[in-house]
Structure formats: structure tokens, C-alpha cells
Amino acid sequence: MQRQTRDTYFVIFVGLFFTGMALAALRAFNDSGSLLDATLGVWSDTAPLTITAAAAALALTEIGRSIVVIARRLEEGLERIREQRRAEGRAEGRAEGRAEANTAWRAWNARRLEAEAQGESFSELPPDDTE
């Protein structure tokens, strides 16, 4: 990621630098009569542009990187919340399942004890065996 960010920064900087140089050269050659005056004009005109371009490229790169970091942290936080809710749902499901199983066993045992008390044979399978 670092290498890609530096490459992006470099491409932006070079593009803005050469655009500024070309514009400054055109203006300098139109305004002066000698090569030395034109060269000095280009250098003096492009210094602020170069600094501005570098600052803009750096700012844009850092803003982009910050957005990516924020997005990743938000996604990690959301994933933690999702996992927590899944765990809570599993725990709730297990508790409900145990309650249903206990209810089924209690009802089966009550029928078995009632049949024994009445002296009848009880052939109903336990709840685990019937499902």
C-alpha cells in the first residue's frame, strides 16, 4: 500500500509540475526576448506552482489514505458487532433449545409416571428417539 501511495503521489506531482512548467514557458517566451530571461521567468513562475502542486498532491494522498483507514476501521467495528450478535443469537438459540427439550422430557416423564401409577405399560419412545 505504501508503494502504491508513493507512486500515486509522484504521478500527481510530476503531472502538475510539467503542466505548470509548460504554462510558465509559454508565458515567459511570449513576454521576453532572450533565452536567459525566458529560463529565469520559467523558474520564478514555477516555484510557487511546484510547491503548490507538491502540497496538493501530498494533501490528496494523505486524505485518500485517511479515508481508507477510516473505512477499514469502520468495517472491522461492524464485523465485531456482527460476530457479537451472531454469538448472542447462538446462545439464545441454545437456551431455547434446552428449554424445549426439557419441556418435552418432563411431559414424557409425566406420561410415563402416570402410566406406571395406573399399572399400564408405557411404550412411548423418549423425546430424543422420536425426533
Protein backbone atom coordinates (compact mmCIF):
# COMPACT_ATOMS: atom_id res chain seq x y z
CA MET A 1 0.00 0.00 0.00
CA GLN A 2 2.84 2.39 0.82
CA ARG A 3 4.48 1.86 -2.57
CA GLN A 4 1.22 2.47 -4.40
CA THR A 5 0.62 5.66 -2.40
CA ARG A 6 4.10 6.98 -3.20
CA ASP A 7 3.62 6.13 -6.88
CA THR A 8 0.30 7.98 -6.93
CA TYR A 9 1.85 10.96 -5.19
CA PHE A 10 4.73 11.00 -7.67
CA VAL A 11 2.46 10.80 -10.74
CA ILE A 12 0.27 13.64 -9.47
CA PHE A 13 3.28 15.77 -8.64
CA VAL A 14 5.02 15.18 -11.99
CA GLY A 15 1.82 15.86 -13.93
CA LEU A 16 1.15 19.12 -12.14
CA PHE A 17 4.81 20.14 -12.30
CA PHE A 18 5.13 19.66 -16.04
CA THR A 19 1.79 21.33 -16.69
CA GLY A 20 2.95 24.34 -14.71
CA MET A 21 6.31 24.34 -16.47
CA ALA A 22 4.66 24.28 -19.88
CA LEU A 23 2.32 27.13 -19.00
CA ALA A 24 5.12 29.19 -17.49
CA ALA A 25 7.37 28.55 -20.51
CA LEU A 26 4.68 29.70 -22.90
CA ARG A 27 4.14 32.88 -20.94
CA ALA A 28 7.86 33.55 -20.50
CA PHE A 29 8.70 33.06 -24.16
CA ASN A 30 5.90 35.40 -25.17
CA ASP A 31 6.97 38.10 -22.71
CA SER A 32 10.77 38.12 -23.16
CA GLY A 33 13.23 38.30 -25.96
CA SER A 34 16.17 36.21 -24.69
CA LEU A 35 16.59 32.58 -23.66
CA LEU A 36 18.09 33.59 -20.30
CA ASP A 37 15.12 35.84 -19.49
CA ALA A 38 12.72 33.09 -20.54
CA THR A 39 14.53 30.48 -18.38
CA LEU A 40 14.58 32.75 -15.33
CA GLY A 41 10.93 33.57 -15.96
CA VAL A 42 10.03 29.89 -16.05
CA TRP A 43 11.93 29.18 -12.83
CA SER A 44 10.44 32.13 -10.99
CA ASP A 45 6.92 31.36 -12.18
CA THR A 46 7.06 27.64 -11.47
CA ALA A 47 8.49 27.75 -7.94
CA PRO A 48 5.15 28.64 -6.31
CA LEU A 49 3.33 26.25 -8.65
CA THR A 50 5.72 23.43 -7.81
CA ILE A 51 5.28 23.96 -4.09
CA THR A 52 1.51 24.19 -4.52
CA ALA A 53 1.44 21.06 -6.68
CA ALA A 54 3.52 19.12 -4.18
CA ALA A 55 1.36 20.28 -1.29
CA ALA A 56 -1.85 19.44 -3.19
CA ALA A 57 -0.56 16.00 -4.17
CA LEU A 58 0.54 15.28 -0.63
CA ALA A 59 -2.76 16.51 0.82
CA LEU A 60 -4.81 14.47 -1.65
CA THR A 61 -2.74 11.38 -0.98
CA GLU A 62 -3.00 11.73 2.79
CA ILE A 63 -6.74 12.43 2.63
CA GLY A 64 -7.23 9.33 0.47
CA ARG A 65 -5.14 7.21 2.82
CA SER A 66 -7.07 8.52 5.82
CA ILE A 67 -10.37 7.67 4.16
CA VAL A 68 -9.16 4.13 3.50
CA VAL A 69 -8.01 3.72 7.12
CA ILE A 70 -11.30 5.07 8.47
CA ALA A 71 -13.28 2.77 6.17
CA ARG A 72 -11.26 -0.26 7.30
CA ARG A 73 -11.71 0.59 10.97
CA LEU A 74 -15.45 1.04 10.48
CA GLU A 75 -15.68 -2.31 8.69
CA GLU A 76 -13.70 -4.01 11.46
CA GLY A 77 -16.01 -2.49 14.07
CA LEU A 78 -19.09 -3.59 12.14
CA GLU A 79 -17.68 -7.11 11.82
CA ARG A 80 -17.08 -7.24 15.58
CA ILE A 81 -20.69 -6.16 16.18
CA ARG A 82 -21.97 -8.76 13.70
CA GLU A 83 -19.93 -11.52 15.36
CA GLN A 84 -21.16 -10.46 18.79
CA ARG A 85 -24.78 -10.58 17.60
CA ARG A 86 -24.22 -13.99 15.99
CA ALA A 87 -22.78 -15.28 19.29
CA GLU A 88 -25.74 -13.85 21.21
CA GLY A 89 -28.14 -15.46 18.75
CA ARG A 90 -26.41 -18.84 19.10
CA ALA A 91 -26.54 -18.60 22.90
CA GLU A 92 -30.21 -17.63 22.78
CA GLY A 93 -30.95 -20.48 20.38
CA ARG A 94 -29.19 -23.00 22.64
CA ALA A 95 -31.14 -21.74 25.66
CA GLU A 96 -34.44 -22.03 23.78
CA GLY A 97 -33.49 -25.48 22.53
CA ARG A 98 -32.66 -26.66 26.04
CA ALA A 99 -35.96 -25.28 27.34
CA GLU A 100 -37.92 -27.07 24.62
CA ALA A 101 -36.03 -30.31 25.23
CA ASN A 102 -36.60 -30.07 28.98
CA THR A 103 -40.31 -29.44 28.43
CA ALA A 104 -40.56 -32.45 26.11
CA TRP A 105 -38.71 -34.70 28.59
CA ARG A 106 -40.83 -33.51 31.53
CA ALA A 107 -44.06 -34.17 29.60
CA TRP A 108 -42.81 -37.62 28.52
CA ASN A 109 -41.74 -38.48 32.07
CA ALA A 110 -45.08 -37.30 33.45
CA ARG A 111 -46.91 -39.60 30.99
CA ARG A 112 -44.57 -42.48 31.90
CA LEU A 113 -45.09 -42.00 35.64
CA GLU A 114 -48.86 -41.72 35.15
CA ALA A 115 -48.90 -44.96 33.15
CA GLU A 116 -46.82 -46.69 35.86
CA ALA A 117 -49.14 -45.37 38.58
CA GLN A 118 -52.14 -46.80 36.71
CA GLY A 119 -50.34 -50.10 36.12
CA GLU A 120 -50.35 -49.73 32.35
CA SER A 121 -47.45 -50.50 30.08
CA PHE A 122 -45.70 -47.45 28.61
CA SER A 123 -44.17 -47.99 25.17
CA GLU A 124 -43.75 -44.39 24.02
CA LEU A 125 -40.19 -43.64 22.94
CA PRO A 126 -38.29 -40.88 24.75
CA PRO A 127 -38.32 -37.46 23.07
CA ASP A 128 -34.79 -37.81 21.62
CA ASP A 129 -35.68 -41.07 19.89
CA THR A 130 -38.88 -39.79 18.25
CA GLU A 131 -37.40 -36.74 16.54
